[in-house]
C-alpha cells in the first residue's frame, strides 16, 4: 500500500498502432520527443501482442493474453492494474473507444469511471453493416459500395471511434470534476486515431492525396493488399504518418492542459502503444498474427514526477512490465501475480537488465532472448511459406536464419515456449463474448474481419 497523502498521480496514454520508429521521429512527433527529452525513453520496448486483444491484457493486468482462459474474456482472477490503484485509495478513470476493450470483456474492473464510447456514426454505420452482411465480400458490388460508404464517411467527418480532441475533453472534464479532491488519481486514455483506416486532416499530410484516393487505397489494404502498387503503399505510409502527426498534436494538448491545472509536479506520464503496423514488410499489412518487430516494437516514454531527465534506456523490455512499473512509480506494493518486473529503477537511473520476452499468443507465439527470436506459427500459416512452422530471427536483421545452424538455441527456446503454453491451458479457452450489432459494425470498419 502507499501513503495516499503523498502519492503520485499516474497518467497512462496509449496510442493504438503506433510504431516505435515513427514515434522516435522528431518530424512526425516533435511533442512526444520533447517530452522524452525531459524524461526517460525506452528504445527497445515491445508490446507483448501483435494486436489489441493480445496486447492489452499485459498493459492493464500484467498477465499474458494466453493465460487465465485467454483473451475472450478478462476473468476476475487477473490482477487488474486499476483495481490495485483503486484499493490503494486512488480515483480511477479509463477513457477509450476501441470495441475490443469494452466493459463486457471485463476491462472496466477497478475503474470508478469507465468510458467506452459507442459508435457515433448513426445511419452511415448501419448502411455499412447491411453491405457487409448481405453481399459477398469478393464481389465487385461489395467493394464498390464499401468504397462509396468510406467516401461519404470521410467527407462527412464521421469516424468509427471518438477522435483525440473529444477524448481529451472528456478526460479533462473528469479531472475538473474532482478538482477539490485530495485523493490521487490514475487516468488511462487510449487513442484510436493512428489505427486503420488512415484519413488524417490535410494540414498533417506532407503530400497531396485526394480523398477518393485515400478511400481507395485504404479499402485495397483491407480487402486485397496483395494488389497494392509501390505508389499506393507509399501513399498509405504518408497517410499513416499524417495520423501520427495529428496524434502528436493532440497528445501535447492533453499534457499541457494537465500542466495548466498545476498537476504535473505530482503526476507521472507514461506514453506507449499496444502494437505497431506493417506496410508490406514480410509481405504483410496491418497487424495480423505474426512474429515480426514491426508488430511488436513500440514507444515507451516516462516523464514528469520522479523521472530522470533526458535518459535513453537500451535494455530490452516489454509492456508486461508496465503494471509493476506504474505501481512502483506511485509508491505502491507490486502484486505478486504480475508477470513482469518494474522498470522503476531505470526511470530513477538505477539501471536494469534486458528481459527475455514472450510475444504473441496461442496462434503465433514468439520467445526472444539475447537478440534472438524464435517464432512458432502454431495455427496461422507463415506468410511466405505455409509449410514453415518455426522461424528463427536475429531481431536486428530482416531475414530468418536456418534452424539447423542453431539447434541448441532452438531446442532451449522451444522448451520455454511449450512450458508457457502449458500454463495457458490452451484447450480451455473462454469464448469471445457475444457482441451487439453496433460493436460488430465498429470492428469491421476498423479492419477486423
Protein backbone atom coordinates (compact mmCIF):
# COMPACT_ATOMS: atom_id res chain seq x y z
CA UNK A 1 0.00 0.00 0.00
CA UNK A 2 1.01 3.66 -0.22
CA UNK A 3 0.60 6.84 1.74
CA UNK A 4 -2.30 8.42 -0.19
CA UNK A 5 -1.47 11.90 1.05
CA UNK A 6 1.98 11.65 -0.56
CA UNK A 7 1.06 9.55 -3.60
CA UNK A 8 1.91 10.33 -7.20
CA UNK A 9 -0.82 10.73 -9.81
CA UNK A 10 -0.39 8.44 -12.84
CA UNK A 11 -1.50 9.24 -16.41
CA UNK A 12 -1.18 6.34 -18.86
CA UNK A 13 -1.63 7.36 -22.51
CA UNK A 14 -1.77 4.52 -25.05
CA UNK A 15 -1.90 5.08 -28.81
CA UNK A 16 -3.23 2.28 -30.97
CA UNK A 17 -0.98 1.02 -33.83
CA UNK A 18 1.93 3.43 -33.24
CA UNK A 19 5.30 2.06 -34.39
CA UNK A 20 8.41 2.85 -32.38
CA UNK A 21 10.36 4.13 -35.39
CA UNK A 22 7.66 6.71 -36.17
CA UNK A 23 7.33 7.78 -32.54
CA UNK A 24 11.09 8.41 -32.37
CA UNK A 25 10.97 10.64 -35.48
CA UNK A 26 11.08 14.28 -34.32
CA UNK A 27 9.50 15.44 -37.58
CA UNK A 28 6.48 13.21 -37.00
CA UNK A 29 6.17 13.53 -33.22
CA UNK A 30 8.02 16.65 -32.08
CA UNK A 31 5.93 16.98 -28.93
CA UNK A 32 6.46 13.42 -27.73
CA UNK A 33 10.18 13.72 -28.45
CA UNK A 34 10.32 16.94 -26.47
CA UNK A 35 8.73 15.16 -23.52
CA UNK A 36 11.14 12.24 -23.96
CA UNK A 37 13.99 14.74 -23.72
CA UNK A 38 12.76 15.74 -20.27
CA UNK A 39 12.23 12.15 -19.13
CA UNK A 40 13.13 8.56 -19.95
CA UNK A 41 12.77 6.79 -23.31
CA UNK A 42 12.98 3.00 -23.55
CA UNK A 43 14.35 2.46 -27.05
CA UNK A 44 13.85 -1.34 -27.13
CA UNK A 45 10.34 -1.70 -25.67
CA UNK A 46 7.97 -4.33 -27.03
CA UNK A 47 4.25 -4.87 -26.87
CA UNK A 48 3.56 -8.47 -25.92
CA UNK A 49 0.84 -8.78 -28.54
CA UNK A 50 0.58 -8.15 -32.26
CA UNK A 51 -2.97 -6.77 -31.89
CA UNK A 52 -5.13 -5.02 -29.30
CA UNK A 53 -6.78 -8.13 -27.76
CA UNK A 54 -3.42 -9.89 -27.41
CA UNK A 55 -1.55 -6.86 -26.09
CA UNK A 56 -3.87 -5.15 -23.63
CA UNK A 57 -4.10 -7.93 -21.04
CA UNK A 58 -0.41 -7.28 -20.31
CA UNK A 59 -0.88 -3.49 -20.24
CA UNK A 60 -3.86 -3.43 -17.88
CA UNK A 61 -3.42 -6.64 -15.88
CA UNK A 62 0.29 -7.52 -16.07
CA UNK A 63 -0.62 -11.01 -17.33
CA UNK A 64 -0.42 -12.60 -20.78
CA UNK A 65 -3.39 -12.90 -23.12
CA UNK A 66 -2.98 -16.68 -23.37
CA UNK A 67 -3.35 -17.17 -19.62
CA UNK A 68 -6.45 -17.04 -17.39
CA UNK A 69 -8.62 -18.61 -20.10
CA UNK A 70 -7.36 -16.48 -22.99
CA UNK A 71 -8.35 -13.04 -24.25
CA UNK A 72 -12.02 -13.81 -24.97
CA UNK A 73 -12.98 -12.52 -21.51
CA UNK A 74 -10.87 -10.93 -18.78
CA UNK A 75 -11.60 -13.12 -15.78
CA UNK A 76 -11.86 -11.57 -12.32
CA UNK A 77 -8.83 -13.60 -11.21
CA UNK A 78 -6.47 -11.39 -13.21
CA UNK A 79 -4.58 -8.79 -11.12
CA UNK A 80 -6.10 -5.69 -12.74
CA UNK A 81 -3.92 -2.59 -12.54
CA UNK A 82 -6.89 -0.26 -11.98
CA UNK A 83 -8.12 -2.43 -9.12
CA UNK A 84 -4.71 -2.16 -7.45
CA UNK A 85 -4.87 1.63 -7.71
CA UNK A 86 -8.48 1.67 -6.52
CA UNK A 87 -7.68 -0.41 -3.44
CA UNK A 88 -4.77 1.91 -2.69
CA UNK A 89 -7.21 4.84 -2.41
CA UNK A 90 -6.84 6.32 -5.91
CA UNK A 91 -9.62 7.74 -8.04
CA UNK A 92 -9.52 5.75 -11.28
CA UNK A 93 -10.86 6.56 -14.74
CA UNK A 94 -10.49 4.97 -18.17
CA UNK A 95 -11.35 6.63 -21.48
CA UNK A 96 -11.19 4.65 -24.70
CA UNK A 97 -13.08 3.98 -27.90
CA UNK A 98 -11.79 0.56 -29.03
CA UNK A 99 -14.54 -2.08 -29.23
CA UNK A 100 -12.08 -4.79 -28.16
CA UNK A 101 -11.75 -3.16 -24.74
CA UNK A 102 -15.40 -2.82 -23.83
CA UNK A 103 -16.78 -3.37 -20.35
CA UNK A 104 -18.47 -6.60 -21.47
CA UNK A 105 -14.99 -8.15 -21.64
CA UNK A 106 -14.35 -7.01 -18.04
CA UNK A 107 -11.79 -4.32 -18.89
CA UNK A 108 -13.67 -1.93 -16.60
CA UNK A 109 -12.61 -3.78 -13.42
CA UNK A 110 -11.15 -1.34 -10.89
CA UNK A 111 -12.22 1.84 -12.69
CA UNK A 112 -14.53 4.21 -10.81
CA UNK A 113 -15.40 5.73 -14.17
CA UNK A 114 -15.09 3.67 -17.37
CA UNK A 115 -15.95 5.36 -20.63
CA UNK A 116 -16.38 3.00 -23.58
CA UNK A 117 -17.73 5.37 -26.21
CA UNK A 118 -20.14 3.88 -28.69
CA UNK A 119 -20.05 4.41 -32.43
CA UNK A 120 -21.47 7.86 -33.16
CA UNK A 121 -21.84 7.31 -36.91
CA UNK A 122 -25.59 6.66 -36.99
CA UNK A 123 -27.23 5.74 -40.29
CA UNK A 124 -23.96 5.52 -42.24
CA UNK A 125 -22.72 2.84 -39.88
CA UNK A 126 -25.91 0.85 -40.30
CA UNK A 127 -25.54 1.15 -44.09
CA UNK A 128 -22.08 -0.40 -43.89
CA UNK A 129 -23.42 -3.21 -41.74
CA UNK A 130 -26.10 -4.04 -44.32
CA UNK A 131 -23.44 -4.12 -47.05
CA UNK A 132 -21.13 -6.43 -45.14
CA UNK A 133 -23.87 -8.80 -44.03
CA UNK A 134 -25.72 -9.20 -47.32
CA UNK A 135 -23.09 -9.18 -50.07
CA UNK A 136 -20.22 -11.48 -50.96
CA UNK A 137 -17.02 -9.75 -49.82
CA UNK A 138 -15.26 -10.84 -53.04
CA UNK A 139 -17.89 -9.33 -55.31
CA UNK A 140 -17.29 -6.15 -57.30
CA UNK A 141 -20.55 -4.66 -55.99
CA UNK A 142 -19.46 -5.20 -52.39
CA UNK A 143 -16.13 -3.46 -52.97
CA UNK A 144 -17.76 -0.59 -54.88
CA UNK A 145 -20.37 0.03 -52.17
CA UNK A 146 -17.72 -0.17 -49.45
CA UNK A 147 -15.64 2.49 -51.24
CA UNK A 148 -18.71 4.72 -51.67
CA UNK A 149 -19.51 4.29 -47.99
CA UNK A 150 -15.99 5.25 -46.92
CA UNK A 151 -16.01 8.27 -49.27
CA UNK A 152 -19.22 9.58 -47.70
CA UNK A 153 -17.89 8.74 -44.26
CA UNK A 154 -14.65 10.65 -44.62
CA UNK A 155 -16.23 13.62 -46.40
CA UNK A 156 -18.73 13.97 -43.55
CA UNK A 157 -16.00 13.80 -40.90
CA UNK A 158 -17.55 10.72 -39.27
CA UNK A 159 -15.38 8.12 -37.57
CA UNK A 160 -15.87 4.67 -36.10
CA UNK A 161 -14.21 5.88 -32.92
CA UNK A 162 -14.16 9.01 -30.80
CA UNK A 163 -11.29 11.19 -32.09
CA UNK A 164 -8.49 12.51 -29.89
CA UNK A 165 -9.85 16.05 -29.28
CA UNK A 166 -13.17 14.73 -27.96
CA UNK A 167 -11.47 12.02 -25.94
CA UNK A 168 -9.16 14.63 -24.39
CA UNK A 169 -12.10 16.85 -23.49
CA UNK A 170 -13.90 14.04 -21.72
CA UNK A 171 -10.80 13.06 -19.76
CA UNK A 172 -10.22 16.70 -18.76
CA UNK A 173 -13.85 17.09 -17.74
CA UNK A 174 -13.37 14.14 -15.39
CA UNK A 175 -10.23 15.74 -13.96
CA UNK A 176 -12.09 19.02 -13.41
CA UNK A 177 -14.97 17.21 -11.70
CA UNK A 178 -12.57 16.15 -8.95
CA UNK A 179 -10.70 19.46 -8.72
CA UNK A 180 -11.27 19.73 -4.96
CA UNK A 181 -10.44 16.07 -4.26
CA UNK A 182 -7.41 15.35 -2.10
CA UNK A 183 -7.00 11.77 -3.30
CA UNK A 184 -4.53 10.92 -6.10
CA UNK A 185 -5.75 9.66 -9.46
CA UNK A 186 -4.95 7.04 -12.08
CA UNK A 187 -6.09 8.14 -15.54
CA UNK A 188 -5.85 5.92 -18.63
CA UNK A 189 -6.72 7.23 -22.10
CA UNK A 190 -6.44 5.12 -25.25
CA UNK A 191 -6.42 6.81 -28.67
CA UNK A 192 -7.51 5.20 -31.95
CA UNK A 193 -6.51 7.97 -34.38
CA UNK A 194 -3.39 6.19 -35.71
CA UNK A 195 -5.35 2.98 -36.34
CA UNK A 196 -6.58 1.92 -39.80
CA UNK A 197 -8.33 3.42 -41.77
CA UNK A 198 -5.95 6.36 -42.26
CA UNK A 199 -7.69 9.67 -43.02
CA UNK A 200 -5.67 12.46 -41.38
CA UNK A 201 -6.70 16.12 -41.76
CA UNK A 202 -4.93 17.73 -44.73
CA UNK A 203 -2.79 20.03 -42.58
CA UNK A 204 -0.98 17.00 -41.15
CA UNK A 205 -0.10 15.50 -44.55
CA UNK A 206 3.16 16.31 -46.31
CA UNK A 207 1.86 15.40 -49.79
CA UNK A 208 -1.34 15.86 -51.77
CA UNK A 209 -3.55 12.78 -51.60
CA UNK A 210 -7.12 13.19 -52.77
CA UNK A 211 -9.97 11.97 -50.61
CA UNK A 212 -11.05 9.45 -53.25
CA UNK A 213 -7.51 8.03 -53.50
CA UNK A 214 -7.25 7.76 -49.71
CA UNK A 215 -10.52 5.84 -49.66
CA UNK A 216 -9.38 3.58 -52.50
CA UNK A 217 -6.01 2.60 -51.06
CA UNK A 218 -7.39 2.15 -47.53
CA UNK A 219 -10.01 -0.16 -48.98
CA UNK A 220 -7.44 -2.08 -51.00
CA UNK A 221 -5.23 -2.53 -47.91
CA UNK A 222 -8.15 -4.06 -46.06
CA UNK A 223 -9.66 -6.10 -48.89
CA UNK A 224 -6.84 -7.14 -51.24
CA UNK A 225 -3.43 -5.90 -50.09
CA UNK A 226 -1.54 -8.17 -52.49
CA UNK A 227 -2.58 -5.89 -55.38
CA UNK A 228 -1.25 -2.68 -53.82
CA UNK A 229 1.32 -0.96 -56.04
CA UNK A 230 4.51 0.64 -54.75
CA UNK A 231 2.97 4.10 -55.23
CA UNK A 232 -0.14 3.09 -53.30
CA UNK A 233 1.96 1.70 -50.44
CA UNK A 234 3.93 4.96 -50.37
CA UNK A 235 0.69 6.92 -50.10
CA UNK A 236 -0.60 4.61 -47.35
CA UNK A 237 2.58 5.29 -45.40
CA UNK A 238 2.11 9.03 -45.95
CA UNK A 239 -1.47 8.83 -44.65
CA UNK A 240 -0.29 6.86 -41.62
CA UNK A 241 2.42 9.45 -40.94
CA UNK A 242 -0.22 12.16 -41.16
CA UNK A 243 -2.24 10.39 -38.48
CA UNK A 244 0.90 10.18 -36.33
CA UNK A 245 1.46 13.97 -36.64
CA UNK A 246 -2.19 14.58 -35.80
CA UNK A 247 -1.94 12.35 -32.73
CA UNK A 248 1.23 14.07 -31.54
CA UNK A 249 -0.52 17.45 -31.69
CA UNK A 250 -3.43 16.28 -29.54
CA UNK A 251 -1.22 14.32 -27.16
CA UNK A 252 0.52 17.61 -26.43
CA UNK A 253 -2.80 19.36 -25.88
CA UNK A 254 -3.79 16.90 -23.14
CA UNK A 255 -0.44 17.07 -21.36
CA UNK A 256 -0.38 20.88 -21.47
CA UNK A 257 -3.94 21.05 -20.12
CA UNK A 258 -2.90 18.84 -17.20
CA UNK A 259 0.09 21.11 -16.63
CA UNK A 260 -2.16 24.19 -16.73
CA UNK A 261 -4.13 22.67 -13.88
CA UNK A 262 -0.87 22.61 -11.86
CA UNK A 263 -0.97 18.83 -11.59
CA UNK A 264 2.28 17.97 -13.38
CA UNK A 265 4.60 18.27 -10.37
CA UNK A 266 2.72 15.41 -8.70
CA UNK A 267 1.98 13.42 -11.87
CA UNK A 268 3.99 10.89 -13.86
CA UNK A 269 3.06 10.47 -17.54
CA UNK A 270 3.63 7.25 -19.47
CA UNK A 271 3.12 7.07 -23.25
CA UNK A 272 3.16 3.80 -25.20
CA UNK A 273 1.32 1.76 -27.85
CA UNK A 274 -0.39 -1.62 -27.91
CA UNK A 275 1.28 -2.74 -31.17
CA UNK A 276 2.81 -1.50 -34.41
CA UNK A 277 1.74 -1.66 -38.05
CA UNK A 278 3.08 -3.38 -41.18
CA UNK A 279 3.20 -1.74 -44.62
CA UNK A 280 4.35 -4.59 -46.82
CA UNK A 281 7.27 -5.76 -44.70
CA UNK A 282 7.46 -9.58 -44.78
CA UNK A 283 4.59 -9.46 -47.29
CA UNK A 284 2.11 -8.29 -44.63
CA UNK A 285 -0.09 -5.26 -43.94
CA UNK A 286 -1.79 -4.03 -40.79
CA UNK A 287 -1.28 -6.03 -37.61
CA UNK A 288 -2.12 -9.65 -38.36
CA UNK A 289 -0.95 -12.63 -36.29
CA UNK A 290 2.79 -12.57 -36.98
CA UNK A 291 6.10 -12.58 -35.13
CA UNK A 292 7.92 -9.57 -36.57
CA UNK A 293 9.36 -6.48 -34.96
CA UNK A 294 7.12 -4.11 -36.94
CA UNK A 295 4.29 -5.65 -34.91
CA UNK A 296 5.96 -5.57 -31.52
CA UNK A 297 8.43 -2.67 -31.28
CA UNK A 298 6.59 0.24 -29.64
CA UNK A 299 7.43 3.56 -27.97
CA UNK A 300 7.69 3.80 -24.20
CA UNK A 301 8.29 7.23 -22.68
CA UNK A 302 8.08 8.23 -19.00
CA UNK A 303 8.28 11.88 -17.91
CA UNK A 304 7.46 14.39 -15.15
CA UNK A 305 7.36 13.48 -11.46
CA UNK A 306 10.28 11.30 -10.41
CA UNK A 307 11.66 10.62 -13.90
CA UNK A 308 15.31 11.31 -14.64
CA UNK A 309 15.70 13.87 -17.45
CA UNK A 310 16.96 13.03 -20.92
CA UNK A 311 17.81 9.36 -20.47
CA UNK A 312 17.62 6.63 -23.11
CA UNK A 313 17.38 3.04 -21.89
CA UNK A 314 18.55 0.48 -24.46
CA UNK A 315 17.84 -2.69 -22.49
CA UNK A 316 15.08 -4.94 -23.89
CA UNK A 317 11.78 -4.69 -22.01
CA UNK A 318 8.09 -5.35 -22.71
CA UNK A 319 4.73 -3.97 -21.67
CA UNK A 320 4.08 -6.81 -19.24
CA UNK A 321 6.49 -4.74 -17.11
CA UNK A 322 4.12 -1.77 -17.20
CA UNK A 323 1.76 -2.53 -14.25
CA UNK A 324 4.58 -3.18 -11.75
CA UNK A 325 6.35 -0.08 -13.08
CA UNK A 326 3.34 2.18 -12.55
CA UNK A 327 2.73 0.79 -9.08
CA UNK A 328 6.39 1.30 -8.22
CA UNK A 329 6.40 4.90 -9.51
CA UNK A 330 3.29 5.58 -7.42
CA UNK A 331 4.98 4.18 -4.31
CA UNK A 332 2.73 1.13 -4.05
CA UNK A 333 3.48 -2.51 -3.41
CA UNK A 334 3.85 -4.70 -6.51
CA UNK A 335 1.34 -7.51 -7.00
CA UNK A 336 2.98 -10.92 -6.85
CA UNK A 337 0.68 -12.18 -9.63
CA UNK A 338 2.06 -9.68 -12.14
CA UNK A 339 4.30 -11.42 -14.67
CA UNK A 340 6.67 -8.50 -15.34
CA UNK A 341 9.28 -6.60 -13.38
CA UNK A 342 9.27 -2.91 -12.51
CA UNK A 343 11.16 -0.53 -14.77
CA UNK A 344 11.19 1.96 -11.91
CA UNK A 345 14.93 1.53 -11.27
CA UNK A 346 15.65 2.61 -14.87
CA UNK A 347 13.34 5.62 -14.51
CA UNK A 348 15.31 6.57 -11.40
CA UNK A 349 18.65 5.95 -13.19
CA UNK A 350 19.43 2.90 -11.08
CA UNK A 351 19.76 0.56 -14.08
CA UNK A 352 18.05 -2.64 -15.20
CA UNK A 353 18.96 -5.74 -17.20
CA UNK A 354 17.40 -6.83 -20.50
CA UNK A 355 14.47 -9.18 -20.11
CA UNK A 356 13.52 -12.30 -22.07
CA UNK A 357 10.19 -11.83 -23.83
CA UNK A 358 7.11 -13.85 -24.65
CA UNK A 359 5.34 -12.24 -27.62
CA UNK A 360 2.06 -13.23 -29.26
CA UNK A 361 -0.43 -15.89 -28.24
CA UNK A 362 -1.69 -19.39 -28.99
CA UNK A 363 -1.91 -18.60 -32.74
CA UNK A 364 1.57 -17.15 -33.30
CA UNK A 365 3.93 -17.28 -30.33
CA UNK A 366 7.48 -15.96 -30.09
CA UNK A 367 10.21 -16.14 -27.49
CA UNK A 368 13.05 -13.60 -27.52
CA UNK A 369 16.35 -13.65 -25.65
CA UNK A 370 19.74 -12.02 -26.21
CA UNK A 371 18.75 -10.56 -29.58
CA UNK A 372 17.31 -13.81 -30.97
CA UNK A 373 13.62 -14.56 -31.55
CA UNK A 374 12.05 -17.94 -32.25
CA UNK A 375 8.58 -17.72 -33.85
CA UNK A 376 6.12 -20.59 -33.69
CA UNK A 377 3.43 -20.35 -36.38
CA UNK A 378 1.02 -22.60 -34.49
CA UNK A 379 -2.36 -22.04 -36.17
CA UNK A 380 -1.56 -19.24 -38.65
CA UNK A 381 0.28 -20.00 -41.87
CA UNK A 382 3.66 -18.40 -42.39
CA UNK A 383 3.01 -15.62 -44.97
CA UNK A 384 5.81 -16.71 -47.33
CA UNK A 385 5.94 -20.44 -46.68
CA UNK A 386 2.76 -22.10 -45.31
CA UNK A 387 4.76 -25.26 -44.54
CA UNK A 388 7.18 -23.42 -42.26
CA UNK A 389 6.08 -23.87 -38.65
CA UNK A 390 9.17 -22.42 -36.95
CA UNK A 391 11.23 -19.35 -37.79
CA UNK A 392 14.43 -18.10 -36.12
CA UNK A 393 15.30 -14.42 -36.39
CA UNK A 394 18.08 -12.11 -35.36
CA UNK A 395 15.99 -9.21 -34.11
CA UNK A 396 18.11 -6.60 -35.88
CA UNK A 397 18.05 -8.42 -39.25
CA UNK A 398 15.09 -8.73 -41.68
CA UNK A 399 15.64 -12.32 -42.87
CA UNK A 400 15.32 -15.53 -40.87
CA UNK A 401 18.31 -17.82 -40.28
CA UNK A 402 18.47 -21.61 -40.78
CA UNK A 403 17.17 -23.53 -37.79
CA UNK A 404 19.72 -26.28 -38.35
CA UNK A 405 22.58 -23.86 -37.68
CA UNK A 406 21.31 -23.10 -34.16
CA UNK A 407 19.82 -26.37 -32.92
CA UNK A 408 20.78 -25.87 -29.26
CA UNK A 409 19.21 -22.39 -29.10
CA UNK A 410 16.08 -23.56 -30.91
CA UNK A 411 15.66 -26.51 -28.55
CA UNK A 412 16.03 -24.30 -25.48
CA UNK A 413 13.56 -21.71 -26.76
CA UNK A 414 11.05 -24.36 -27.80
CA UNK A 415 11.01 -25.87 -24.32
CA UNK A 416 10.34 -22.47 -22.77
CA UNK A 417 7.51 -21.77 -25.20
CA UNK A 418 5.94 -25.17 -24.55
CA UNK A 419 6.06 -24.52 -20.81
CA UNK A 420 4.44 -21.12 -21.40
CA UNK A 421 1.57 -22.76 -23.28
CA UNK A 422 1.21 -25.49 -20.67
CA UNK A 423 0.46 -22.73 -18.17
CA UNK A 424 -2.11 -21.30 -20.54
CA UNK A 425 -4.26 -24.45 -20.58
CA UNK A 426 -4.80 -23.82 -24.28
CA UNK A 427 -7.62 -26.37 -24.59
CA UNK A 428 -9.79 -24.48 -22.09
CA UNK A 429 -10.12 -21.05 -23.67
CA UNK A 430 -13.09 -18.91 -22.79
CA UNK A 431 -15.38 -17.94 -25.63
CA UNK A 432 -15.40 -14.41 -27.03
CA UNK A 433 -18.45 -12.63 -25.56
CA UNK A 434 -21.38 -12.04 -27.89
CA UNK A 435 -21.28 -8.57 -29.40
CA UNK A 436 -24.16 -6.37 -30.45
CA UNK A 437 -24.68 -5.10 -33.98
CA UNK A 438 -23.08 -1.72 -33.26
CA UNK A 439 -19.89 -3.29 -31.89
CA UNK A 440 -19.67 -5.70 -34.82
CA UNK A 441 -20.02 -2.74 -37.21
CA UNK A 442 -17.22 -0.84 -35.50
CA UNK A 443 -14.88 -3.84 -35.53
CA UNK A 444 -15.48 -4.42 -39.24
CA UNK A 445 -14.91 -0.75 -40.09
CA UNK A 446 -11.61 -0.80 -38.20
CA UNK A 447 -10.33 -3.67 -40.33
CA UNK A 448 -11.25 -6.65 -38.15
CA UNK A 449 -12.95 -9.15 -40.46
